[in-house]
């Protein structure tokens, strides 16, 4: 992309940045600005966080518009019986908020920095709600990999009826999905 194909890589966006750097900001009435009506579309994580930040900065005329009957957007846990303490739940939307990633080949652990904002928000909301149990956000541990886990592939089971375990596959590669595809 460049002058050869007619695409201006610096484009109008950079012209706008240049223009803004040459302008002096005008004097504004902060009180007036903070009372202007603001609409936030969607009560998912982004919409709710936007509302929280604007309220903390003194904006007061804010409306959240949500099409659904509940808050949370794609983040939606349904408790099947009893509630969060009996561990019968199903994730209906976003499955997890990963803290880190472990490269399977090098075993190097990488922190996922983009998620730190979500963890900070969770901590702040818990502080705002004084860590009261009925409002507290507790994260359910997510296990990406466990040596005791089972690997079920194309209906293959061991003579005892269970699929092979990850530890068994590591010891005997003939039990792995890739060796079954080669067969």
N, C-alpha and C. Protein backbone atom coordinates (compact mmCIF):
# COMPACT_ATOMS: atom_id res chain seq x y z
N UNK A 1 0.85 -1.17 0.00
CA UNK A 1 0.00 0.00 0.00
C UNK A 1 0.89 1.23 0.00
N UNK A 2 0.56 2.14 -0.84
CA UNK A 2 1.33 3.36 -0.93
C UNK A 2 0.95 4.15 -2.16
N UNK A 3 1.84 5.05 -2.58
CA UNK A 3 1.55 5.90 -3.74
C UNK A 3 1.34 5.10 -5.01
N UNK A 4 1.98 3.93 -5.13
CA UNK A 4 1.85 3.13 -6.35
C UNK A 4 0.42 2.68 -6.61
N UNK A 5 -0.33 2.36 -5.58
CA UNK A 5 -1.70 1.89 -5.78
C UNK A 5 -2.74 2.94 -5.40
N UNK A 6 -2.32 4.16 -5.15
CA UNK A 6 -3.25 5.24 -4.86
C UNK A 6 -3.74 5.30 -3.42
N UNK A 7 -3.16 4.50 -2.54
CA UNK A 7 -3.59 4.51 -1.14
C UNK A 7 -2.66 5.41 -0.35
N UNK A 8 -3.21 6.46 0.25
CA UNK A 8 -2.42 7.40 1.04
C UNK A 8 -2.26 6.86 2.45
N UNK A 9 -1.07 6.35 2.76
CA UNK A 9 -0.85 5.72 4.07
C UNK A 9 -0.89 6.72 5.21
N UNK A 10 -0.63 7.98 4.93
CA UNK A 10 -0.72 8.98 6.00
C UNK A 10 -2.15 9.48 6.13
N UNK A 11 -2.87 9.55 5.07
CA UNK A 11 -4.30 9.78 5.02
C UNK A 11 -4.87 10.90 5.86
N UNK A 12 -6.21 11.02 5.79
CA UNK A 12 -6.90 12.12 6.47
C UNK A 12 -6.82 12.03 7.99
N UNK A 13 -6.68 10.83 8.55
CA UNK A 13 -6.59 10.73 10.00
C UNK A 13 -5.39 11.51 10.51
N UNK A 14 -4.24 11.35 9.85
CA UNK A 14 -3.05 12.07 10.28
C UNK A 14 -3.19 13.56 10.04
N UNK A 15 -3.91 13.95 8.97
CA UNK A 15 -4.18 15.37 8.74
C UNK A 15 -5.00 15.94 9.89
N UNK A 16 -5.97 15.16 10.39
CA UNK A 16 -6.79 15.60 11.51
C UNK A 16 -5.97 15.76 12.78
N UNK A 17 -5.05 14.84 13.02
CA UNK A 17 -4.18 14.94 14.19
C UNK A 17 -3.32 16.20 14.08
N UNK A 18 -2.77 16.44 12.89
CA UNK A 18 -1.94 17.63 12.68
C UNK A 18 -2.76 18.90 12.93
N UNK A 19 -3.98 18.94 12.42
CA UNK A 19 -4.85 20.10 12.62
C UNK A 19 -5.13 20.34 14.10
N UNK A 20 -5.43 19.28 14.84
CA UNK A 20 -5.73 19.43 16.26
C UNK A 20 -4.53 19.91 17.06
N UNK A 21 -3.32 19.51 16.67
CA UNK A 21 -2.13 19.96 17.41
C UNK A 21 -1.89 21.45 17.22
N UNK A 22 -2.44 22.03 16.16
CA UNK A 22 -2.25 23.46 15.89
C UNK A 22 -3.34 24.32 16.53
N UNK A 23 -4.39 23.70 17.04
CA UNK A 23 -5.50 24.46 17.64
C UNK A 23 -5.29 24.58 19.14
N UNK A 24 -5.72 25.67 19.69
CA UNK A 24 -5.71 25.85 21.13
C UNK A 24 -7.07 25.43 21.68
N UNK A 25 -7.08 24.69 22.77
CA UNK A 25 -8.39 24.30 23.32
C UNK A 25 -9.15 25.53 23.81
N UNK A 26 -10.46 25.50 23.63
CA UNK A 26 -11.28 26.63 24.07
C UNK A 26 -11.65 26.44 25.54
N UNK A 27 -12.03 27.52 26.16
CA UNK A 27 -12.45 27.47 27.56
C UNK A 27 -13.86 26.88 27.59
N UNK A 28 -14.06 25.93 28.49
CA UNK A 28 -15.38 25.30 28.59
C UNK A 28 -15.88 25.40 30.02
N UNK A 29 -17.18 25.29 30.17
CA UNK A 29 -17.81 25.26 31.48
C UNK A 29 -18.00 23.79 31.85
N UNK A 30 -17.15 23.29 32.74
CA UNK A 30 -17.17 21.87 33.08
C UNK A 30 -18.52 21.45 33.66
N UNK A 31 -19.14 22.32 34.44
CA UNK A 31 -20.44 22.00 35.02
C UNK A 31 -21.50 21.79 33.95
N UNK A 32 -21.48 22.65 32.93
CA UNK A 32 -22.44 22.52 31.83
C UNK A 32 -22.22 21.22 31.06
N UNK A 33 -20.97 20.94 30.79
CA UNK A 33 -20.63 19.74 30.03
C UNK A 33 -21.08 18.50 30.80
N UNK A 34 -20.85 18.47 32.10
CA UNK A 34 -21.16 17.27 32.89
C UNK A 34 -22.65 17.05 33.06
N UNK A 35 -23.49 18.04 32.71
CA UNK A 35 -24.93 17.86 32.79
C UNK A 35 -25.57 17.56 31.43
N UNK A 36 -24.77 17.55 30.37
CA UNK A 36 -25.32 17.22 29.04
C UNK A 36 -25.77 15.76 29.03
N UNK A 37 -26.86 15.47 28.32
CA UNK A 37 -27.33 14.08 28.28
C UNK A 37 -26.37 13.18 27.49
N UNK A 38 -26.11 12.02 28.05
CA UNK A 38 -25.24 11.03 27.42
C UNK A 38 -26.01 9.72 27.36
N UNK A 39 -25.99 9.07 26.20
CA UNK A 39 -26.62 7.75 26.06
C UNK A 39 -25.52 6.72 25.84
N UNK A 40 -25.60 5.63 26.57
CA UNK A 40 -24.68 4.50 26.41
C UNK A 40 -25.50 3.36 25.83
N UNK A 41 -25.06 2.84 24.70
CA UNK A 41 -25.79 1.75 24.04
C UNK A 41 -25.24 0.43 24.54
N UNK A 42 -26.05 -0.31 25.25
CA UNK A 42 -25.69 -1.65 25.72
C UNK A 42 -25.22 -1.67 27.16
N UNK A 43 -25.74 -2.64 27.91
CA UNK A 43 -25.37 -2.80 29.32
C UNK A 43 -24.50 -4.04 29.50
N UNK A 44 -23.60 -4.26 28.53
CA UNK A 44 -22.58 -5.29 28.69
C UNK A 44 -21.43 -4.73 29.50
N UNK A 45 -20.33 -5.44 29.52
CA UNK A 45 -19.18 -5.00 30.33
C UNK A 45 -18.71 -3.60 29.93
N UNK A 46 -18.61 -3.34 28.63
CA UNK A 46 -18.11 -2.03 28.17
C UNK A 46 -19.07 -0.91 28.54
N UNK A 47 -20.36 -1.13 28.33
CA UNK A 47 -21.34 -0.10 28.66
C UNK A 47 -21.38 0.21 30.14
N UNK A 48 -21.35 -0.84 30.96
CA UNK A 48 -21.39 -0.64 32.41
C UNK A 48 -20.12 0.03 32.92
N UNK A 49 -18.98 -0.33 32.34
CA UNK A 49 -17.73 0.31 32.77
C UNK A 49 -17.72 1.78 32.34
N UNK A 50 -18.21 2.06 31.14
CA UNK A 50 -18.29 3.45 30.68
C UNK A 50 -19.16 4.27 31.63
N UNK A 51 -20.29 3.72 32.03
CA UNK A 51 -21.17 4.39 32.99
C UNK A 51 -20.43 4.67 34.30
N UNK A 52 -19.74 3.66 34.82
CA UNK A 52 -19.01 3.82 36.09
C UNK A 52 -17.97 4.94 35.99
N UNK A 53 -17.19 4.94 34.93
CA UNK A 53 -16.13 5.95 34.77
C UNK A 53 -16.73 7.34 34.64
N UNK A 54 -17.78 7.48 33.83
CA UNK A 54 -18.41 8.80 33.68
C UNK A 54 -18.98 9.30 35.00
N UNK A 55 -19.64 8.42 35.76
CA UNK A 55 -20.18 8.82 37.07
C UNK A 55 -19.07 9.24 38.02
N UNK A 56 -17.97 8.50 38.00
CA UNK A 56 -16.85 8.85 38.88
C UNK A 56 -16.23 10.19 38.50
N UNK A 57 -16.39 10.60 37.25
CA UNK A 57 -15.85 11.88 36.81
C UNK A 57 -16.86 13.02 36.95
N UNK A 58 -18.02 12.73 37.52
CA UNK A 58 -18.98 13.78 37.82
C UNK A 58 -20.08 13.97 36.78
N UNK A 59 -20.14 13.16 35.74
CA UNK A 59 -21.23 13.26 34.77
C UNK A 59 -22.48 12.67 35.41
N UNK A 60 -23.62 13.36 35.23
CA UNK A 60 -24.80 12.93 35.99
C UNK A 60 -26.01 12.58 35.12
N UNK A 61 -26.06 13.04 33.89
CA UNK A 61 -27.23 12.84 33.05
C UNK A 61 -26.95 11.71 32.05
N UNK A 62 -26.85 10.48 32.58
CA UNK A 62 -26.44 9.33 31.77
C UNK A 62 -27.58 8.32 31.72
N UNK A 63 -27.85 7.83 30.53
CA UNK A 63 -28.86 6.79 30.34
C UNK A 63 -28.20 5.61 29.64
N UNK A 64 -28.43 4.40 30.17
CA UNK A 64 -27.98 3.19 29.50
C UNK A 64 -29.18 2.59 28.78
N UNK A 65 -29.03 2.34 27.49
CA UNK A 65 -30.08 1.72 26.69
C UNK A 65 -29.71 0.26 26.45
N UNK A 66 -30.55 -0.65 26.92
CA UNK A 66 -30.27 -2.09 26.79
C UNK A 66 -31.51 -2.78 26.23
N UNK A 67 -31.32 -3.60 25.21
CA UNK A 67 -32.44 -4.30 24.57
C UNK A 67 -32.90 -5.52 25.37
N UNK A 68 -32.02 -6.09 26.16
CA UNK A 68 -32.35 -7.30 26.91
C UNK A 68 -32.96 -6.94 28.26
N UNK A 69 -33.48 -7.93 28.96
CA UNK A 69 -34.10 -7.71 30.27
C UNK A 69 -33.09 -7.78 31.41
N UNK A 70 -31.82 -8.02 31.10
CA UNK A 70 -30.81 -8.14 32.16
C UNK A 70 -29.54 -7.41 31.74
N UNK A 71 -28.67 -7.18 32.72
CA UNK A 71 -27.38 -6.56 32.48
C UNK A 71 -26.34 -7.64 32.18
N UNK A 72 -25.21 -7.24 31.61
CA UNK A 72 -24.09 -8.16 31.47
C UNK A 72 -23.70 -8.50 30.05
N UNK A 73 -24.60 -8.30 29.10
CA UNK A 73 -24.25 -8.62 27.72
C UNK A 73 -23.93 -10.10 27.55
N UNK A 74 -22.80 -10.37 26.91
CA UNK A 74 -22.41 -11.76 26.66
C UNK A 74 -21.95 -12.48 27.92
N UNK A 75 -21.64 -11.75 28.96
CA UNK A 75 -21.22 -12.39 30.21
C UNK A 75 -22.49 -12.82 30.95
N UNK A 76 -22.73 -14.13 30.99
CA UNK A 76 -23.99 -14.61 31.54
C UNK A 76 -23.81 -16.02 32.09
N UNK A 77 -23.87 -16.14 33.40
CA UNK A 77 -23.79 -17.44 34.06
C UNK A 77 -25.18 -17.80 34.56
N UNK A 78 -25.63 -19.01 34.24
CA UNK A 78 -26.92 -19.49 34.72
C UNK A 78 -26.65 -20.57 35.76
N UNK A 79 -27.20 -20.39 36.95
CA UNK A 79 -27.06 -21.39 38.01
C UNK A 79 -28.23 -22.36 37.88
N UNK A 80 -27.91 -23.64 37.75
CA UNK A 80 -28.92 -24.64 37.44
C UNK A 80 -29.74 -25.06 38.64
N UNK A 81 -29.14 -25.09 39.81
CA UNK A 81 -29.91 -25.46 41.01
C UNK A 81 -29.22 -24.88 42.23
N UNK A 82 -29.97 -24.22 43.05
CA UNK A 82 -29.43 -23.76 44.32
C UNK A 82 -28.70 -22.44 44.29
N UNK A 83 -27.81 -22.22 43.39
CA UNK A 83 -27.06 -20.98 43.36
C UNK A 83 -25.58 -21.22 43.15
N UNK A 84 -24.80 -20.18 43.33
CA UNK A 84 -23.38 -20.27 42.99
C UNK A 84 -22.56 -21.19 43.88
N UNK A 85 -23.10 -21.60 45.03
CA UNK A 85 -22.27 -22.36 45.96
C UNK A 85 -22.36 -23.87 45.77
N UNK A 86 -23.30 -24.34 44.94
CA UNK A 86 -23.35 -25.79 44.71
C UNK A 86 -22.65 -26.18 43.40
N UNK A 87 -22.07 -25.22 42.71
CA UNK A 87 -21.25 -25.45 41.52
C UNK A 87 -22.00 -26.09 40.36
N UNK A 88 -23.32 -25.93 40.31
CA UNK A 88 -24.10 -26.38 39.16
C UNK A 88 -24.41 -25.14 38.32
N UNK A 89 -23.57 -24.88 37.34
CA UNK A 89 -23.76 -23.68 36.54
C UNK A 89 -23.38 -23.96 35.10
N UNK A 90 -23.86 -23.08 34.22
CA UNK A 90 -23.53 -23.17 32.80
C UNK A 90 -23.22 -21.76 32.31
N UNK A 91 -22.12 -21.63 31.61
CA UNK A 91 -21.79 -20.35 31.00
C UNK A 91 -22.56 -20.24 29.69
N UNK A 92 -23.37 -19.20 29.58
CA UNK A 92 -24.21 -19.03 28.40
C UNK A 92 -23.60 -18.03 27.42
N UNK A 93 -22.54 -17.38 27.80
CA UNK A 93 -21.94 -16.37 26.93
C UNK A 93 -20.44 -16.46 27.00
N UNK A 94 -19.82 -15.37 27.37
CA UNK A 94 -18.36 -15.37 27.48
C UNK A 94 -17.94 -16.46 28.46
N UNK A 95 -17.01 -17.28 28.04
CA UNK A 95 -16.68 -18.47 28.82
C UNK A 95 -15.71 -18.20 29.96
N UNK A 96 -14.77 -17.31 29.75
CA UNK A 96 -13.75 -17.16 30.77
C UNK A 96 -13.03 -15.84 30.59
N UNK A 97 -12.34 -15.46 31.63
CA UNK A 97 -11.48 -14.27 31.58
C UNK A 97 -10.08 -14.78 31.89
N UNK A 98 -9.30 -15.06 30.87
CA UNK A 98 -7.99 -15.66 31.12
C UNK A 98 -7.01 -14.67 31.75
N UNK A 99 -6.27 -15.15 32.71
CA UNK A 99 -5.27 -14.34 33.39
C UNK A 99 -3.93 -14.43 32.66
N UNK A 100 -3.62 -15.64 32.19
CA UNK A 100 -2.35 -15.83 31.50
C UNK A 100 -2.48 -16.95 30.48
N UNK A 101 -1.42 -17.14 29.73
CA UNK A 101 -1.37 -18.17 28.70
C UNK A 101 -0.04 -18.89 28.85
N UNK A 102 -0.08 -20.22 28.82
CA UNK A 102 1.15 -21.01 28.88
C UNK A 102 1.37 -21.63 27.51
N UNK A 103 2.48 -21.28 26.89
CA UNK A 103 2.83 -21.85 25.59
C UNK A 103 3.07 -23.34 25.78
N UNK A 104 2.31 -24.19 25.06
CA UNK A 104 2.44 -25.64 25.29
C UNK A 104 3.81 -26.21 24.91
N UNK A 105 4.50 -25.56 23.98
CA UNK A 105 5.81 -26.08 23.57
C UNK A 105 6.92 -25.63 24.51
N UNK A 106 6.98 -24.32 24.77
CA UNK A 106 8.09 -23.80 25.59
C UNK A 106 7.77 -23.80 27.08
N UNK A 107 6.49 -23.99 27.43
CA UNK A 107 6.02 -23.94 28.83
C UNK A 107 6.21 -22.55 29.44
N UNK A 108 6.41 -21.54 28.60
CA UNK A 108 6.56 -20.16 29.07
C UNK A 108 5.18 -19.59 29.39
N UNK A 109 5.08 -18.92 30.53
CA UNK A 109 3.82 -18.31 30.96
C UNK A 109 3.82 -16.83 30.56
N UNK A 110 2.76 -16.42 29.86
CA UNK A 110 2.61 -15.04 29.43
C UNK A 110 1.37 -14.45 30.09
N UNK A 111 1.52 -13.29 30.73
CA UNK A 111 0.38 -12.58 31.29
C UNK A 111 -0.38 -11.93 30.13
N UNK A 112 -1.69 -11.99 30.17
CA UNK A 112 -2.51 -11.35 29.14
C UNK A 112 -2.86 -9.97 29.67
N UNK A 113 -2.09 -8.98 29.25
CA UNK A 113 -2.21 -7.64 29.83
C UNK A 113 -3.56 -7.00 29.54
N UNK A 114 -4.19 -7.36 28.41
CA UNK A 114 -5.49 -6.76 28.08
C UNK A 114 -6.54 -7.08 29.14
N UNK A 115 -6.38 -8.20 29.83
CA UNK A 115 -7.37 -8.61 30.83
C UNK A 115 -7.16 -7.92 32.17
N UNK A 116 -6.03 -7.27 32.37
CA UNK A 116 -5.78 -6.61 33.64
C UNK A 116 -6.83 -5.53 33.91
N UNK A 117 -7.32 -4.89 32.85
CA UNK A 117 -8.37 -3.88 33.01
C UNK A 117 -9.63 -4.51 33.60
N UNK A 118 -9.97 -5.71 33.14
CA UNK A 118 -11.15 -6.41 33.65
C UNK A 118 -10.96 -6.76 35.13
N UNK A 119 -9.77 -7.27 35.47
CA UNK A 119 -9.50 -7.62 36.87
C UNK A 119 -9.52 -6.38 37.76
N UNK A 120 -9.01 -5.26 37.26
CA UNK A 120 -9.05 -4.00 38.02
C UNK A 120 -10.49 -3.57 38.24
N UNK A 121 -11.33 -3.71 37.21
CA UNK A 121 -12.73 -3.35 37.34
C UNK A 121 -13.42 -4.23 38.39
N UNK A 122 -13.14 -5.52 38.37
CA UNK A 122 -13.73 -6.43 39.36
C UNK A 122 -13.33 -6.01 40.77
N UNK A 123 -12.04 -5.71 40.97
CA UNK A 123 -11.57 -5.27 42.29
C UNK A 123 -12.25 -3.98 42.72
N UNK A 124 -12.37 -3.04 41.78
CA UNK A 124 -12.99 -1.76 42.12
C UNK A 124 -14.47 -1.93 42.47
N UNK A 125 -15.18 -2.75 41.71
CA UNK A 125 -16.60 -2.98 42.02
C UNK A 125 -16.77 -3.65 43.37
N UNK A 126 -15.88 -4.57 43.69
CA UNK A 126 -15.95 -5.21 45.01
C UNK A 126 -15.70 -4.20 46.12
N UNK A 127 -14.76 -3.27 45.89
CA UNK A 127 -14.51 -2.21 46.89
C UNK A 127 -15.72 -1.29 47.03
N UNK A 128 -16.29 -0.88 45.89
CA UNK A 128 -17.47 0.00 45.91
C UNK A 128 -18.60 -0.65 46.70
N UNK A 129 -18.76 -1.96 46.52
CA UNK A 129 -19.83 -2.70 47.20
C UNK A 129 -19.40 -3.24 48.56
N UNK A 130 -18.28 -2.73 49.07
CA UNK A 130 -17.77 -3.08 50.41
C UNK A 130 -17.62 -4.58 50.61
N UNK A 131 -17.32 -5.29 49.53
CA UNK A 131 -17.13 -6.75 49.56
C UNK A 131 -18.30 -7.51 50.17
N UNK A 132 -19.50 -6.93 50.10
CA UNK A 132 -20.69 -7.63 50.60
C UNK A 132 -20.94 -8.85 49.73
N UNK A 133 -21.19 -9.99 50.36
CA UNK A 133 -21.28 -11.25 49.63
C UNK A 133 -22.36 -11.25 48.56
N UNK A 134 -23.47 -10.55 48.78
CA UNK A 134 -24.55 -10.57 47.79
C UNK A 134 -24.19 -9.77 46.53
N UNK A 135 -23.17 -8.92 46.60
CA UNK A 135 -22.75 -8.13 45.44
C UNK A 135 -21.35 -8.50 44.94
N UNK A 136 -20.64 -9.26 45.71
CA UNK A 136 -19.24 -9.55 45.42
C UNK A 136 -19.10 -10.36 44.12
N UNK A 137 -18.12 -9.99 43.33
CA UNK A 137 -17.80 -10.73 42.11
C UNK A 137 -16.66 -11.68 42.46
N UNK A 138 -16.98 -12.96 42.46
CA UNK A 138 -15.97 -13.99 42.70
C UNK A 138 -15.76 -14.74 41.40
N UNK A 139 -14.53 -14.87 41.02
CA UNK A 139 -14.22 -15.58 39.78
C UNK A 139 -14.13 -17.08 40.05
N UNK A 140 -14.68 -17.85 39.14
CA UNK A 140 -14.62 -19.31 39.22
C UNK A 140 -13.32 -19.74 38.54
N UNK A 141 -12.48 -20.53 39.20
CA UNK A 141 -11.21 -20.93 38.56
C UNK A 141 -11.47 -21.67 37.24
N UNK A 142 -10.64 -21.38 36.27
CA UNK A 142 -10.71 -22.03 34.96
C UNK A 142 -9.43 -22.82 34.76
N UNK A 143 -9.58 -24.10 34.50
CA UNK A 143 -8.41 -24.96 34.28
C UNK A 143 -8.33 -25.28 32.80
N UNK A 144 -7.32 -24.74 32.17
CA UNK A 144 -7.12 -24.95 30.73
C UNK A 144 -6.60 -26.36 30.47
N UNK A 145 -5.79 -26.85 31.36
CA UNK A 145 -5.13 -28.14 31.15
C UNK A 145 -4.91 -28.81 32.50
N UNK A 146 -5.17 -30.09 32.55
CA UNK A 146 -4.91 -30.84 33.76
C UNK A 146 -4.46 -32.23 33.34
N UNK A 147 -3.40 -32.72 33.95
CA UNK A 147 -2.88 -34.04 33.58
C UNK A 147 -3.89 -35.15 33.81
N UNK A 148 -4.84 -34.93 34.71
CA UNK A 148 -5.87 -35.94 34.98
C UNK A 148 -7.07 -35.82 34.05
N UNK A 149 -7.03 -34.83 33.14
CA UNK A 149 -8.13 -34.64 32.22
C UNK A 149 -8.23 -35.76 31.20
N UNK A 150 -9.42 -35.89 30.62
CA UNK A 150 -9.66 -36.90 29.59
C UNK A 150 -9.68 -36.23 28.22
N UNK A 151 -9.27 -36.98 27.20
CA UNK A 151 -9.31 -36.45 25.84
C UNK A 151 -10.20 -37.39 25.02
N UNK A 152 -11.38 -36.88 24.68
CA UNK A 152 -12.37 -37.67 23.95
C UNK A 152 -12.34 -37.25 22.49
N UNK A 153 -12.12 -38.21 21.58
CA UNK A 153 -11.99 -37.88 20.17
C UNK A 153 -12.63 -38.98 19.33
N UNK A 154 -13.62 -38.60 18.52
CA UNK A 154 -14.28 -39.51 17.58
C UNK A 154 -14.77 -40.81 18.22
N UNK A 155 -15.25 -40.72 19.43
CA UNK A 155 -15.85 -41.88 20.08
C UNK A 155 -14.88 -42.92 20.62
N UNK A 156 -13.57 -42.66 20.52
CA UNK A 156 -12.59 -43.65 20.98
C UNK A 156 -12.61 -43.74 22.50
N UNK A 157 -12.70 -44.97 22.99
CA UNK A 157 -12.67 -45.23 24.43
C UNK A 157 -11.72 -46.38 24.71
N UNK A 158 -11.20 -46.40 25.91
CA UNK A 158 -10.37 -47.51 26.36
C UNK A 158 -11.28 -48.70 26.70
N UNK A 159 -10.73 -49.89 26.85
CA UNK A 159 -11.57 -51.06 27.17
C UNK A 159 -12.45 -50.86 28.41
N UNK A 160 -12.04 -50.05 29.37
CA UNK A 160 -12.85 -49.81 30.57
C UNK A 160 -14.02 -48.87 30.32
N UNK A 161 -14.11 -48.25 29.13
CA UNK A 161 -15.24 -47.39 28.79
C UNK A 161 -14.94 -45.91 28.80
N UNK A 162 -13.84 -45.48 29.42
CA UNK A 162 -13.50 -44.06 29.47
C UNK A 162 -12.58 -43.69 28.32
N UNK A 163 -12.60 -42.42 27.91
CA UNK A 163 -11.60 -41.97 26.94
C UNK A 163 -10.23 -41.96 27.61
N UNK A 164 -9.14 -41.95 26.81
CA UNK A 164 -7.81 -41.94 27.43
C UNK A 164 -7.56 -40.62 28.15
N UNK A 165 -6.77 -40.69 29.22
CA UNK A 165 -6.39 -39.50 29.96
C UNK A 165 -5.18 -38.84 29.32
N UNK A 166 -5.00 -37.57 29.60
CA UNK A 166 -3.88 -36.82 29.02
C UNK A 166 -2.56 -37.46 29.43
N UNK A 167 -2.43 -37.86 30.68
CA UNK A 167 -1.20 -38.51 31.16
C UNK A 167 -0.96 -39.82 30.40
N UNK A 168 -2.03 -40.59 30.14
CA UNK A 168 -1.90 -41.83 29.38
C UNK A 168 -1.43 -41.56 27.96
N UNK A 169 -1.97 -40.51 27.34
CA UNK A 169 -1.59 -40.17 25.97
C UNK A 169 -0.13 -39.75 25.91
N UNK A 170 0.33 -38.99 26.94
CA UNK A 170 1.73 -38.58 26.96
C UNK A 170 2.66 -39.79 27.03
N UNK A 171 2.21 -40.86 27.70
CA UNK A 171 3.03 -42.08 27.82
C UNK A 171 2.91 -42.97 26.58
N UNK A 172 1.74 -42.95 25.92
CA UNK A 172 1.50 -43.81 24.76
C UNK A 172 0.86 -42.98 23.65
N UNK A 173 1.67 -42.51 22.70
CA UNK A 173 1.19 -41.64 21.63
C UNK A 173 0.16 -42.32 20.71
N UNK A 174 0.07 -43.65 20.76
CA UNK A 174 -0.93 -44.35 19.94
C UNK A 174 -2.35 -44.03 20.40
N UNK A 175 -2.50 -43.48 21.59
CA UNK A 175 -3.81 -43.11 22.11
C UNK A 175 -4.21 -41.69 21.71
N UNK A 176 -3.32 -40.95 21.05
CA UNK A 176 -3.59 -39.54 20.73
C UNK A 176 -4.48 -39.42 19.51
N UNK A 177 -5.15 -38.29 19.40
CA UNK A 177 -6.05 -38.03 18.27
C UNK A 177 -5.29 -38.04 16.95
N UNK A 178 -4.06 -37.50 16.93
CA UNK A 178 -3.32 -37.44 15.67
C UNK A 178 -2.95 -38.83 15.19
N UNK A 179 -2.62 -39.76 16.08
CA UNK A 179 -2.29 -41.11 15.63
C UNK A 179 -3.53 -41.82 15.11
N UNK A 180 -4.71 -41.49 15.67
CA UNK A 180 -5.95 -42.09 15.17
C UNK A 180 -6.27 -41.60 13.77
N UNK A 181 -5.95 -40.34 13.48
CA UNK A 181 -6.18 -39.80 12.14
C UNK A 181 -5.26 -40.45 11.13
N UNK A 182 -4.05 -40.81 11.55
CA UNK A 182 -3.09 -41.44 10.65
C UNK A 182 -3.46 -42.88 10.34
N UNK A 183 -4.21 -43.52 11.22
CA UNK A 183 -4.52 -44.95 11.08
C UNK A 183 -5.45 -45.22 9.92
